Structure formats: structure tokens, C-alpha cells
Amino acid sequence: MTGDVDEYAAGLDDAAVELLYLFRERVLALGDVDERVHPSEVAWARARVFATAFIVSSRLEVAIDLLRRVEHPRLRESFATTKKVWTHRMSFTAADQIDDVIGELLAEAFETVGPGTR
């Protein structure tokens, strides 16, 4: 089921929703992106999903898929999703945490994982 981001965000923590919209702005600015809204998360894809986000309590949880493993202060965990792709789970509680470094990681994910990895 695909819905609307506003519907997904309805009734959730206002501060976390602001973070979701800030993260979403960074993703949508990358170019032609397919936004998929589900009851439990929002995902962004080209041929393949490269980023997802969901709200837990008062924080924004995101996953960014890359072809390499990276370290970041907001990193909760990283794990291999396929032989090539690493998923990086991060948690945000403030707008300044969704900074240019996150923007660069999203751009890398958009360019390398988004088109598919075959």
C-alpha cells in the first residue's frame, strides 16, 4: 500500500515529523526519485530502494544503502544486505544532525545503489 507522507506522519511526534520532512527534502533534491509511503516507513528508490525512514517515539530512524561500509557519529548499526550493499541505520533527534555529510551519503546511495547493483 502506498500512501501520502502527511498521512504517514499524522499523529506522530511533531519534532520527529520535522526531521522526516528535512530528510525527505534532501532525498527529493537528488533528482528523479520514486517515493513509496507505507504504513510503517517511507522509502525512496530509483530502480532499487536506497534510503528509508521511519519515526520511533521522538526520533527519526533512517537506513541508507551504500556499496561500502562507513562510520558516522549517528550510526546505530551497519550490516551487509547483499554481497555488494551495506545498510547503515542512523538515528536523528535534531535538525543539525541531518547535515551535509548525510546529504553526501544520500547522493552516493542515489548514484550507486539506486540504479541497481547488477
PDB file of N, CA and C in Angstrom:
ATOM      1  N   MET A   1       0.842  -1.190   0.000  1.00  0.00           N
ATOM      2  CA  MET A   1       0.000   0.000   0.000  1.00  0.00           C
ATOM      3  C   MET A   1       0.880   1.244   0.000  1.00  0.00           C
ATOM      4  N   THR A   2       0.615   2.145  -0.879  1.00  0.00           N
ATOM      5  CA  THR A   2       1.348   3.400  -0.930  1.00  0.00           C
ATOM      6  C   THR A   2       0.398   4.522  -0.563  1.00  0.00           C
ATOM      7  N   GLY A   3       0.854   5.397   0.313  1.00  0.00           N
ATOM      8  CA  GLY A   3       0.027   6.499   0.763  1.00  0.00           C
ATOM      9  C   GLY A   3       0.749   7.815   0.604  1.00  0.00           C
ATOM     10  N   ASP A   4       0.393   8.735   1.442  1.00  0.00           N
ATOM     11  CA  ASP A   4       0.891  10.092   1.423  1.00  0.00           C
ATOM     12  C   ASP A   4       1.754  10.305   2.673  1.00  0.00           C
ATOM     13  N   VAL A   5       2.836  11.065   2.543  1.00  0.00           N
ATOM     14  CA  VAL A   5       3.728  11.307   3.676  1.00  0.00           C
ATOM     15  C   VAL A   5       2.980  11.981   4.818  1.00  0.00           C
ATOM     16  N   ASP A   6       2.077  12.904   4.498  1.00  0.00           N
ATOM     17  CA  ASP A   6       1.297  13.561   5.549  1.00  0.00           C
ATOM     18  C   ASP A   6       0.444  12.553   6.312  1.00  0.00           C
ATOM     19  N   GLU A   7      -0.106  11.579   5.599  1.00  0.00           N
ATOM     20  CA  GLU A   7      -0.887  10.530   6.261  1.00  0.00           C
ATOM     21  C   GLU A   7       0.009   9.691   7.167  1.00  0.00           C
ATOM     22  N   TYR A   8       1.206   9.342   6.675  1.00  0.00           N
ATOM     23  CA  TYR A   8       2.147   8.575   7.488  1.00  0.00           C
ATOM     24  C   TYR A   8       2.472   9.338   8.775  1.00  0.00           C
ATOM     25  N   ALA A   9       2.707  10.645   8.652  1.00  0.00           N
ATOM     26  CA  ALA A   9       3.170  11.460   9.772  1.00  0.00           C
ATOM     27  C   ALA A   9       2.064  11.850  10.753  1.00  0.00           C
ATOM     28  N   ALA A  10       0.822  11.694  10.353  1.00  0.00           N
ATOM     29  CA  ALA A  10      -0.301  12.117  11.206  1.00  0.00           C
ATOM     30  C   ALA A  10      -0.251  11.421  12.563  1.00  0.00           C
ATOM     31  N   GLY A  11      -0.301  12.228  13.607  1.00  0.00           N
ATOM     32  CA  GLY A  11      -0.343  11.701  14.961  1.00  0.00           C
ATOM     33  C   GLY A  11       1.009  11.348  15.556  1.00  0.00           C
ATOM     34  N   LEU A  12       2.081  11.504  14.793  1.00  0.00           N
ATOM     35  CA  LEU A  12       3.416  11.203  15.303  1.00  0.00           C
ATOM     36  C   LEU A  12       4.027  12.445  15.949  1.00  0.00           C
ATOM     37  N   ASP A  13       5.105  12.270  16.670  1.00  0.00           N
ATOM     38  CA  ASP A  13       5.783  13.349  17.372  1.00  0.00           C
ATOM     39  C   ASP A  13       6.148  14.486  16.408  1.00  0.00           C
ATOM     40  N   ASP A  14       5.731  15.708  16.740  1.00  0.00           N
ATOM     41  CA  ASP A  14       5.940  16.857  15.846  1.00  0.00           C
ATOM     42  C   ASP A  14       7.411  17.092  15.510  1.00  0.00           C
ATOM     43  N   ALA A  15       8.285  17.002  16.503  1.00  0.00           N
ATOM     44  CA  ALA A  15       9.713  17.236  16.262  1.00  0.00           C
ATOM     45  C   ALA A  15      10.286  16.165  15.338  1.00  0.00           C
ATOM     46  N   ALA A  16       9.882  14.931  15.531  1.00  0.00           N
ATOM     47  CA  ALA A  16      10.359  13.842  14.670  1.00  0.00           C
ATOM     48  C   ALA A  16       9.812  13.993  13.255  1.00  0.00           C
ATOM     49  N   VAL A  17       8.586  14.466  13.133  1.00  0.00           N
ATOM     50  CA  VAL A  17       7.996  14.696  11.809  1.00  0.00           C
ATOM     51  C   VAL A  17       8.781  15.780  11.066  1.00  0.00           C
ATOM     52  N   GLU A  18       9.196  16.829  11.778  1.00  0.00           N
ATOM     53  CA  GLU A  18      10.020  17.870  11.153  1.00  0.00           C
ATOM     54  C   GLU A  18      11.311  17.274  10.616  1.00  0.00           C
ATOM     55  N   LEU A  19      11.912  16.359  11.371  1.00  0.00           N
ATOM     56  CA  LEU A  19      13.132  15.692  10.921  1.00  0.00           C
ATOM     57  C   LEU A  19      12.868  14.851   9.674  1.00  0.00           C
ATOM     58  N   LEU A  20      11.736  14.170   9.657  1.00  0.00           N
ATOM     59  CA  LEU A  20      11.361  13.373   8.486  1.00  0.00           C
ATOM     60  C   LEU A  20      11.273  14.261   7.246  1.00  0.00           C
ATOM     61  N   TYR A  21      10.615  15.409   7.368  1.00  0.00           N
ATOM     62  CA  TYR A  21      10.473  16.304   6.219  1.00  0.00           C
ATOM     63  C   TYR A  21      11.817  16.895   5.789  1.00  0.00           C
ATOM     64  N   LEU A  22      12.699  17.160   6.741  1.00  0.00           N
ATOM     65  CA  LEU A  22      14.033  17.661   6.410  1.00  0.00           C
ATOM     66  C   LEU A  22      14.829  16.598   5.650  1.00  0.00           C
ATOM     67  N   PHE A  23      14.794  15.357   6.136  1.00  0.00           N
ATOM     68  CA  PHE A  23      15.473  14.248   5.462  1.00  0.00           C
ATOM     69  C   PHE A  23      14.883  14.055   4.065  1.00  0.00           C
ATOM     70  N   ARG A  24      13.567  14.096   3.981  1.00  0.00           N
ATOM     71  CA  ARG A  24      12.855  13.927   2.706  1.00  0.00           C
ATOM     72  C   ARG A  24      13.274  14.997   1.696  1.00  0.00           C
ATOM     73  N   GLU A  25      13.401  16.244   2.144  1.00  0.00           N
ATOM     74  CA  GLU A  25      13.839  17.327   1.254  1.00  0.00           C
ATOM     75  C   GLU A  25      15.193  17.010   0.639  1.00  0.00           C
ATOM     76  N   ARG A  26      16.109  16.501   1.464  1.00  0.00           N
ATOM     77  CA  ARG A  26      17.443  16.154   0.965  1.00  0.00           C
ATOM     78  C   ARG A  26      17.357  15.042  -0.077  1.00  0.00           C
ATOM     79  N   VAL A  27      16.507  14.057   0.176  1.00  0.00           N
ATOM     80  CA  VAL A  27      16.370  12.944  -0.775  1.00  0.00           C
ATOM     81  C   VAL A  27      15.751  13.429  -2.083  1.00  0.00           C
ATOM     82  N   LEU A  28      14.656  14.153  -2.002  1.00  0.00           N
ATOM     83  CA  LEU A  28      13.959  14.587  -3.213  1.00  0.00           C
ATOM     84  C   LEU A  28      14.795  15.549  -4.052  1.00  0.00           C
ATOM     85  N   ALA A  29      15.718  16.269  -3.422  1.00  0.00           N
ATOM     86  CA  ALA A  29      16.587  17.198  -4.149  1.00  0.00           C
ATOM     87  C   ALA A  29      17.609  16.475  -5.025  1.00  0.00           C
ATOM     88  N   LEU A  30      17.762  15.175  -4.842  1.00  0.00           N
ATOM     89  CA  LEU A  30      18.756  14.409  -5.598  1.00  0.00           C
ATOM     90  C   LEU A  30      18.382  14.228  -7.065  1.00  0.00           C
ATOM     91  N   GLY A  31      17.103  14.254  -7.369  1.00  0.00           N
ATOM     92  CA  GLY A  31      16.670  14.049  -8.750  1.00  0.00           C
ATOM     93  C   GLY A  31      15.406  13.221  -8.814  1.00  0.00           C
ATOM     94  N   ASP A  32      15.274  12.462  -9.886  1.00  0.00           N
ATOM     95  CA  ASP A  32      14.078  11.654 -10.121  1.00  0.00           C
ATOM     96  C   ASP A  32      14.047  10.479  -9.144  1.00  0.00           C
ATOM     97  N   VAL A  33      13.198  10.592  -8.142  1.00  0.00           N
ATOM     98  CA  VAL A  33      13.111   9.602  -7.070  1.00  0.00           C
ATOM     99  C   VAL A  33      11.668   9.127  -6.950  1.00  0.00           C
ATOM    100  N   ASP A  34      11.506   7.832  -6.771  1.00  0.00           N
ATOM    101  CA  ASP A  34      10.195   7.238  -6.519  1.00  0.00           C
ATOM    102  C   ASP A  34      10.001   7.178  -5.007  1.00  0.00           C
ATOM    103  N   GLU A  35       9.028   7.919  -4.502  1.00  0.00           N
ATOM    104  CA  GLU A  35       8.740   7.917  -3.067  1.00  0.00           C
ATOM    105  C   GLU A  35       7.636   6.901  -2.793  1.00  0.00           C
ATOM    106  N   ARG A  36       7.918   5.984  -1.879  1.00  0.00           N
ATOM    107  CA  ARG A  36       6.970   4.920  -1.544  1.00  0.00           C
ATOM    108  C   ARG A  36       6.615   5.024  -0.069  1.00  0.00           C
ATOM    109  N   VAL A  37       5.376   5.374   0.195  1.00  0.00           N
ATOM    110  CA  VAL A  37       4.923   5.563   1.574  1.00  0.00           C
ATOM    111  C   VAL A  37       4.122   4.344   1.998  1.00  0.00           C
ATOM    112  N   HIS A  38       4.564   3.724   3.065  1.00  0.00           N
ATOM    113  CA  HIS A  38       3.909   2.547   3.626  1.00  0.00           C
ATOM    114  C   HIS A  38       3.458   2.875   5.048  1.00  0.00           C
ATOM    115  N   PRO A  39       2.592   2.082   5.629  1.00  0.00           N
ATOM    116  CA  PRO A  39       2.142   2.369   6.996  1.00  0.00           C
ATOM    117  C   PRO A  39       3.276   2.429   8.024  1.00  0.00           C
ATOM    118  N   SER A  40       4.369   1.703   7.779  1.00  0.00           N
ATOM    119  CA  SER A  40       5.445   1.648   8.765  1.00  0.00           C
ATOM    120  C   SER A  40       6.689   2.444   8.393  1.00  0.00           C
ATOM    121  N   GLU A  41       6.803   2.920   7.153  1.00  0.00           N
ATOM    122  CA  GLU A  41       8.006   3.639   6.735  1.00  0.00           C
ATOM    123  C   GLU A  41       7.769   4.381   5.425  1.00  0.00           C
ATOM    124  N   VAL A  42       8.738   5.242   5.113  1.00  0.00           N
ATOM    125  CA  VAL A  42       8.790   5.910   3.815  1.00  0.00           C
ATOM    126  C   VAL A  42      10.090   5.458   3.157  1.00  0.00           C
ATOM    127  N   ALA A  43      10.011   5.053   1.897  1.00  0.00           N
ATOM    128  CA  ALA A  43      11.195   4.587   1.172  1.00  0.00           C
ATOM    129  C   ALA A  43      11.370   5.407  -0.098  1.00  0.00           C
ATOM    130  N   TRP A  44      12.631   5.544  -0.515  1.00  0.00           N
ATOM    131  CA  TRP A  44      12.946   6.268  -1.741  1.00  0.00           C
ATOM    132  C   TRP A  44      13.787   5.373  -2.636  1.00  0.00           C
ATOM    133  N   ALA A  45      13.438   5.353  -3.925  1.00  0.00           N
ATOM    134  CA  ALA A  45      14.092   4.438  -4.852  1.00  0.00           C
ATOM    135  C   ALA A  45      14.275   5.074  -6.214  1.00  0.00           C
ATOM    136  N   ARG A  46      15.182   4.488  -6.948  1.00  0.00           N
ATOM    137  CA  ARG A  46      15.249   4.663  -8.398  1.00  0.00           C
ATOM    138  C   ARG A  46      14.792   3.309  -8.930  1.00  0.00           C
ATOM    139  N   ALA A  47      15.699   2.480  -9.410  1.00  0.00           N
ATOM    140  CA  ALA A  47      15.334   1.099  -9.738  1.00  0.00           C
ATOM    141  C   ALA A  47      15.273   0.266  -8.458  1.00  0.00           C
ATOM    142  N   ARG A  48      16.048   0.682  -7.450  1.00  0.00           N
ATOM    143  CA  ARG A  48      16.152  -0.029  -6.180  1.00  0.00           C
ATOM    144  C   ARG A  48      16.034   0.978  -5.044  1.00  0.00           C
ATOM    145  N   VAL A  49      15.460   0.556  -3.935  1.00  0.00           N
ATOM    146  CA  VAL A  49      15.383   1.413  -2.750  1.00  0.00           C
ATOM    147  C   VAL A  49      16.802   1.692  -2.259  1.00  0.00           C
ATOM    148  N   PHE A  50      17.095   2.969  -1.994  1.00  0.00           N
ATOM    149  CA  PHE A  50      18.411   3.342  -1.490  1.00  0.00           C
ATOM    150  C   PHE A  50      18.346   4.033  -0.132  1.00  0.00           C
ATOM    151  N   ALA A  51      17.148   4.425   0.314  1.00  0.00           N
ATOM    152  CA  ALA A  51      17.005   5.055   1.628  1.00  0.00           C
ATOM    153  C   ALA A  51      15.587   4.838   2.145  1.00  0.00           C
ATOM    154  N   THR A  52      15.480   4.682   3.454  1.00  0.00           N
ATOM    155  CA  THR A  52      14.177   4.569   4.108  1.00  0.00           C
ATOM    156  C   THR A  52      14.212   5.386   5.393  1.00  0.00           C
ATOM    157  N   ALA A  53      13.028   5.723   5.885  1.00  0.00           N
ATOM    158  CA  ALA A  53      12.928   6.455   7.144  1.00  0.00           C
ATOM    159  C   ALA A  53      11.641   6.071   7.853  1.00  0.00           C
ATOM    160  N   PHE A  54      11.715   6.065   9.183  1.00  0.00           N
ATOM    161  CA  PHE A  54      10.525   5.840   9.991  1.00  0.00           C
ATOM    162  C   PHE A  54      10.720   6.523  11.333  1.00  0.00           C
ATOM    163  N   ILE A  55       9.614   6.813  11.981  1.00  0.00           N
ATOM    164  CA  ILE A  55       9.652   7.516  13.260  1.00  0.00           C
ATOM    165  C   ILE A  55       9.393   6.536  14.386  1.00  0.00           C
ATOM    166  N   VAL A  56      10.263   6.607  15.399  1.00  0.00           N
ATOM    167  CA  VAL A  56      10.106   5.830  16.621  1.00  0.00           C
ATOM    168  C   VAL A  56      10.108   6.834  17.771  1.00  0.00           C
ATOM    169  N   SER A  57       8.994   6.933  18.459  1.00  0.00           N
ATOM    170  CA  SER A  57       8.864   7.863  19.581  1.00  0.00           C
ATOM    171  C   SER A  57       9.191   9.282  19.106  1.00  0.00           C
ATOM    172  N   SER A  58      10.269   9.869  19.616  1.00  0.00           N
ATOM    173  CA  SER A  58      10.605  11.249  19.262  1.00  0.00           C
ATOM    174  C   SER A  58      11.850  11.337  18.389  1.00  0.00           C
ATOM    175  N   ARG A  59      12.208  10.250  17.728  1.00  0.00           N
ATOM    176  CA  ARG A  59      13.400  10.285  16.876  1.00  0.00           C
ATOM    177  C   ARG A  59      13.092   9.747  15.476  1.00  0.00           C
ATOM    178  N   LEU A  60      13.930  10.159  14.539  1.00  0.00           N
ATOM    179  CA  LEU A  60      13.833   9.678  13.166  1.00  0.00           C
ATOM    180  C   LEU A  60      14.895   8.609  12.963  1.00  0.00           C
ATOM    181  N   GLU A  61      14.472   7.445  12.530  1.00  0.00           N
ATOM    182  CA  GLU A  61      15.380   6.346  12.196  1.00  0.00           C
ATOM    183  C   GLU A  61      15.455   6.267  10.681  1.00  0.00           C
ATOM    184  N   VAL A  62      16.662   6.169  10.139  1.00  0.00           N
ATOM    185  CA  VAL A  62      16.818   6.062   8.693  1.00  0.00           C
ATOM    186  C   VAL A  62      17.755   4.909   8.359  1.00  0.00           C
ATOM    187  N   ALA A  63      17.632   4.446   7.144  1.00  0.00           N
ATOM    188  CA  ALA A  63      18.570   3.469   6.593  1.00  0.00           C
ATOM    189  C   ALA A  63      19.037   4.009   5.250  1.00  0.00           C
ATOM    190  N   ILE A  64      20.345   4.027   5.072  1.00  0.00           N
ATOM    191  CA  ILE A  64      20.952   4.468   3.819  1.00  0.00           C
ATOM    192  C   ILE A  64      21.799   3.311   3.304  1.00  0.00           C
ATOM    193  N   ASP A  65      21.534   2.885   2.077  1.00  0.00           N
ATOM    194  CA  ASP A  65      22.259   1.766   1.478  1.00  0.00           C
ATOM    195  C   ASP A  65      23.412   2.280   0.625  1.00  0.00           C
ATOM    196  N   LEU A  66      24.592   1.710   0.864  1.00  0.00           N
ATOM    197  CA  LEU A  66      25.799   2.100   0.140  1.00  0.00           C
ATOM    198  C   LEU A  66      26.554   0.859  -0.320  1.00  0.00           C
ATOM    199  N   LEU A  67      27.469   1.041  -1.253  1.00  0.00           N
ATOM    200  CA  LEU A  67      28.294  -0.070  -1.723  1.00  0.00           C
ATOM    201  C   LEU A  67      29.544  -0.245  -0.876  1.00  0.00           C
ATOM    202  N   ARG A  68      29.603   0.458   0.231  1.00  0.00           N
ATOM    203  CA  ARG A  68      30.729   0.358   1.156  1.00  0.00           C
ATOM    204  C   ARG A  68      30.220   0.585   2.568  1.00  0.00           C
ATOM    205  N   ARG A  69      31.008   0.181   3.518  1.00  0.00           N
ATOM    206  CA  ARG A  69      30.664   0.401   4.918  1.00  0.00           C
ATOM    207  C   ARG A  69      31.288   1.727   5.352  1.00  0.00           C
ATOM    208  N   VAL A  70      30.510   2.552   6.050  1.00  0.00           N
ATOM    209  CA  VAL A  70      31.020   3.841   6.521  1.00  0.00           C
ATOM    210  C   VAL A  70      30.802   3.973   8.024  1.00  0.00           C
ATOM    211  N   GLU A  71      31.559   4.869   8.614  1.00  0.00           N
ATOM    212  CA  GLU A  71      31.382   5.232  10.017  1.00  0.00           C
ATOM    213  C   GLU A  71      30.745   6.618  10.060  1.00  0.00           C
ATOM    214  N   HIS A  72      29.926   6.845  11.056  1.00  0.00           N
ATOM    215  CA  HIS A  72      29.276   8.140  11.233  1.00  0.00           C
ATOM    216  C   HIS A  72      28.851   8.240  12.693  1.00  0.00           C
ATOM    217  N   PRO A  73      28.910   9.429  13.297  1.00  0.00           N
ATOM    218  CA  PRO A  73      28.531   9.571  14.709  1.00  0.00           C
ATOM    219  C   PRO A  73      27.094   9.145  15.022  1.00  0.00           C
ATOM    220  N   ARG A  74      26.193   9.225  14.062  1.00  0.00           N
ATOM    221  CA  ARG A  74      24.787   8.873  14.298  1.00  0.00           C
ATOM    222  C   ARG A  74      24.485   7.412  13.965  1.00  0.00           C
ATOM    223  N   LEU A  75      25.510   6.658  13.571  1.00  0.00           N
ATOM    224  CA  LEU A  75      25.325   5.270  13.153  1.00  0.00           C
ATOM    225  C   LEU A  75      24.933   4.394  14.340  1.00  0.00           C
ATOM    226  N   ARG A  76      23.828   3.677  14.184  1.00  0.00           N
ATOM    227  CA  ARG A  76      23.390   2.706  15.194  1.00  0.00           C
ATOM    228  C   ARG A  76      23.931   1.328  14.869  1.00  0.00           C
ATOM    229  N   GLU A  77      23.870   0.968  13.586  1.00  0.00           N
ATOM    230  CA  GLU A  77      24.406  -0.317  13.142  1.00  0.00           C
ATOM    231  C   GLU A  77      24.564  -0.296  11.632  1.00  0.00           C
ATOM    232  N   SER A  78      25.431  -1.158  11.139  1.00  0.00           N
ATOM    233  CA  SER A  78      25.549  -1.370   9.697  1.00  0.00           C
ATOM    234  C   SER A  78      25.667  -2.867   9.467  1.00  0.00           C
ATOM    235  N   PHE A  79      25.102  -3.307   8.369  1.00  0.00           N
ATOM    236  CA  PHE A  79      25.111  -4.737   8.074  1.00  0.00           C
ATOM    237  C   PHE A  79      25.013  -4.941   6.569  1.00  0.00           C
ATOM    238  N   ALA A  80      25.563  -6.050   6.119  1.00  0.00           N
ATOM    239  CA  ALA A  80      25.508  -6.386   4.701  1.00  0.00           C
ATOM    240  C   ALA A  80      24.097  -6.847   4.361  1.00  0.00           C
ATOM    241  N   THR A  81      23.508  -6.203   3.364  1.00  0.00           N
ATOM    242  CA  THR A  81      22.171  -6.569   2.903  1.00  0.00           C
ATOM    243  C   THR A  81      22.265  -7.580   1.767  1.00  0.00           C
ATOM    244  N   THR A  82      23.273  -7.399   0.921  1.00  0.00           N
ATOM    245  CA  THR A  82      23.580  -8.325  -0.174  1.00  0.00           C
ATOM    246  C   THR A  82      25.100  -8.471  -0.195  1.00  0.00           C
ATOM    247  N   LYS A  83      25.627  -9.152  -1.196  1.00  0.00           N
ATOM    248  CA  LYS A  83      27.084  -9.277  -1.317  1.00  0.00           C
ATOM    249  C   LYS A  83      27.748  -7.929  -1.583  1.00  0.00           C
ATOM    250  N   LYS A  84      26.998  -6.985  -2.144  1.00  0.00           N
ATOM    251  CA  LYS A  84      27.559  -5.680  -2.500  1.00  0.00           C
ATOM    252  C   LYS A  84      27.090  -4.531  -1.609  1.00  0.00           C
ATOM    253  N   VAL A  85      25.891  -4.623  -1.063  1.00  0.00           N
ATOM    254  CA  VAL A  85      25.252  -3.473  -0.416  1.00  0.00           C
ATOM    255  C   VAL A  85      25.321  -3.563   1.109  1.00  0.00           C
ATOM    256  N   TRP A  86      25.710  -2.430   1.711  1.00  0.00           N
ATOM    257  CA  TRP A  86      25.708  -2.274   3.166  1.00  0.00           C
ATOM    258  C   TRP A  86      24.578  -1.328   3.548  1.00  0.00           C
ATOM    259  N   THR A  87      23.767  -1.730   4.502  1.00  0.00           N
ATOM    260  CA  THR A  87      22.723  -0.862   5.039  1.00  0.00           C
ATOM    261  C   THR A  87      23.250  -0.209   6.306  1.00  0.00           C
ATOM    262  N   HIS A  88      23.078   1.097   6.396  1.00  0.00           N
ATOM    263  CA  HIS A  88      23.534   1.886   7.542  1.00  0.00           C
ATOM    264  C   HIS A  88      22.318   2.476   8.240  1.00  0.00           C
ATOM    265  N   ARG A  89      22.067   2.036   9.472  1.00  0.00           N
ATOM    266  CA  ARG A  89      20.945   2.572  10.257  1.00  0.00           C
ATOM    267  C   ARG A  89      21.448   3.710  11.123  1.00  0.00           C
ATOM    268  N   MET A  90      20.765   4.829  11.024  1.00  0.00           N
ATOM    269  CA  MET A  90      21.134   6.013  11.797  1.00  0.00           C
ATOM    270  C   MET A  90      19.912   6.550  12.511  1.00  0.00           C
ATOM    271  N   SER A  91      20.165   7.271  13.586  1.00  0.00           N
ATOM    272  CA  SER A  91      19.100   7.836  14.400  1.00  0.00           C
ATOM    273  C   SER A  91      19.341   9.329  14.566  1.00  0.00           C
ATOM    274  N   PHE A  92      18.285  10.125  14.361  1.00  0.00           N
ATOM    275  CA  PHE A  92      18.394  11.580  14.463  1.00  0.00           C
ATOM    276  C   PHE A  92      17.371  12.130  15.452  1.00  0.00           C
ATOM    277  N   THR A  93      17.826  13.087  16.258  1.00  0.00           N
ATOM    278  CA  THR A  93      16.947  13.739  17.227  1.00  0.00           C
ATOM    279  C   THR A  93      16.948  15.260  17.084  1.00  0.00           C
ATOM    280  N   ALA A  94      17.791  15.789  16.191  1.00  0.00           N
ATOM    281  CA  ALA A  94      17.880  17.240  15.986  1.00  0.00           C
ATOM    282  C   ALA A  94      18.173  17.533  14.518  1.00  0.00           C
ATOM    283  N   ALA A  95      17.672  18.657  14.042  1.00  0.00           N
ATOM    284  CA  ALA A  95      17.801  19.024  12.626  1.00  0.00           C
ATOM    285  C   ALA A  95      19.255  19.152  12.184  1.00  0.00           C
ATOM    286  N   ASP A  96      20.126  19.675  13.046  1.00  0.00           N
ATOM    287  CA  ASP A  96      21.518  19.869  12.638  1.00  0.00           C
ATOM    288  C   ASP A  96      22.270  18.553  12.440  1.00  0.00           C
ATOM    289  N   GLN A  97      21.689  17.448  12.866  1.00  0.00           N
ATOM    290  CA  GLN A  97      22.308  16.140  12.647  1.00  0.00           C
ATOM    291  C   GLN A  97      22.118  15.661  11.205  1.00  0.00           C
ATOM    292  N   ILE A  98      21.119  16.187  10.523  1.00  0.00           N
ATOM    293  CA  ILE A  98      20.882  15.843   9.114  1.00  0.00           C
ATOM    294  C   ILE A  98      21.634  16.883   8.287  1.00  0.00           C
ATOM    295  N   ASP A  99      22.950  16.734   8.291  1.00  0.00           N
ATOM    296  CA  ASP A  99      23.840  17.757   7.753  1.00  0.00           C
ATOM    297  C   ASP A  99      24.331  17.412   6.346  1.00  0.00           C
ATOM    298  N   ASP A 100      25.332  18.151   5.897  1.00  0.00           N
ATOM    299  CA  ASP A 100      25.867  17.942   4.550  1.00  0.00           C
ATOM    300  C   ASP A 100      26.509  16.566   4.386  1.00  0.00           C
ATOM    301  N   VAL A 101      27.062  16.017   5.451  1.00  0.00           N
ATOM    302  CA  VAL A 101      27.639  14.668   5.365  1.00  0.00           C
ATOM    303  C   VAL A 101      26.534  13.660   5.052  1.00  0.00           C
ATOM    304  N   ILE A 102      25.387  13.804   5.698  1.00  0.00           N
ATOM    305  CA  ILE A 102      24.245  12.929   5.397  1.00  0.00           C
ATOM    306  C   ILE A 102      23.804  13.156   3.956  1.00  0.00           C
ATOM    307  N   GLY A 103      23.786  14.405   3.529  1.00  0.00           N
ATOM    308  CA  GLY A 103      23.446  14.711   2.142  1.00  0.00           C
ATOM    309  C   GLY A 103      24.390  14.033   1.157  1.00  0.00           C
ATOM    310  N   GLU A 104      25.681  14.009   1.479  1.00  0.00           N
ATOM    311  CA  GLU A 104      26.662  13.351   0.617  1.00  0.00           C
ATOM    312  C   GLU A 104      26.443  11.841   0.586  1.00  0.00           C
ATOM    313  N   LEU A 105      26.125  11.241   1.731  1.00  0.00           N
ATOM    314  CA  LEU A 105      25.847   9.803   1.771  1.00  0.00           C
ATOM    315  C   LEU A 105      24.594   9.475   0.959  1.00  0.00           C
ATOM    316  N   LEU A 106      23.578  10.321   1.070  1.00  0.00           N
ATOM    317  CA  LEU A 106      22.364  10.112   0.278  1.00  0.00           C
ATOM    318  C   LEU A 106      22.653  10.220  -1.217  1.00  0.00           C
ATOM    319  N   ALA A 107      23.466  11.201  -1.600  1.00  0.00           N
ATOM    320  CA  ALA A 107      23.820  11.360  -3.015  1.00  0.00           C
ATOM    321  C   ALA A 107      24.575  10.133  -3.520  1.00  0.00           C
ATOM    322  N   GLU A 108      25.479   9.616  -2.697  1.00  0.00           N
ATOM    323  CA  GLU A 108      26.218   8.407  -3.070  1.00  0.00           C
ATOM    324  C   GLU A 108      25.262   7.224  -3.226  1.00  0.00           C
ATOM    325  N   ALA A 109      24.336   7.081  -2.295  1.00  0.00           N
ATOM    326  CA  ALA A 109      23.357   5.991  -2.369  1.00  0.00           C
ATOM    327  C   ALA A 109      22.493   6.122  -3.619  1.00  0.00           C
ATOM    328  N   PHE A 110      22.046   7.329  -3.908  1.00  0.00           N
ATOM    329  CA  PHE A 110      21.231   7.614  -5.096  1.00  0.00           C
ATOM    330  C   PHE A 110      21.968   7.206  -6.373  1.00  0.00           C
ATOM    331  N   GLU A 111      23.257   7.561  -6.448  1.00  0.00           N
ATOM    332  CA  GLU A 111      24.047   7.316  -7.658  1.00  0.00           C
ATOM    333  C   GLU A 111      24.506   5.867  -7.797  1.00  0.00           C
ATOM    334  N   THR A 112      24.803   5.197  -6.685  1.00  0.00           N
ATOM    335  CA  THR A 112      25.420   3.869  -6.774  1.00  0.00           C
ATOM    336  C   THR A 112      24.460   2.717  -6.522  1.00  0.00           C
ATOM    337  N   VAL A 113      23.592   2.843  -5.545  1.00  0.00           N
ATOM    338  CA  VAL A 113      22.665   1.761  -5.199  1.00  0.00           C
ATOM    339  C   VAL A 113      21.320   1.961  -5.891  1.00  0.00           C
ATOM    340  N   GLY A 114      20.865   3.185  -5.967  1.00  0.00           N
ATOM    341  CA  GLY A 114      19.570   3.478  -6.566  1.00  0.00           C
ATOM    342  C   GLY A 114      19.334   2.883  -7.948  1.00  0.00           C
ATOM    343  N   PRO A 115      20.323   2.960  -8.860  1.00  0.00           N
ATOM    344  CA  PRO A 115      20.104   2.400 -10.198  1.00  0.00           C
ATOM    345  C   PRO A 115      20.067   0.870 -10.239  1.00  0.00           C
ATOM    346  N   GLY A 116      20.403   0.223  -9.138  1.00  0.00           N
ATOM    347  CA  GLY A 116      20.519  -1.238  -9.122  1.00  0.00           C
ATOM    348  C   GLY A 116      21.992  -1.609  -9.114  1.00  0.00           C
ATOM    349  N   THR A 117      22.310  -2.782  -8.614  1.00  0.00           N
ATOM    350  CA  THR A 117      23.721  -3.130  -8.416  1.00  0.00           C
ATOM    351  C   THR A 117      24.182  -4.325  -9.232  1.00  0.00           C
ATOM    352  N   ARG A 118      23.446  -4.727 -10.234  1.00  0.00           N
ATOM    353  CA  ARG A 118      23.860  -5.915 -11.011  1.00  0.00           C
ATOM    354  C   ARG A 118      24.983  -5.623 -11.950  1.00  0.00           C
TER     355      ARG A 118
END
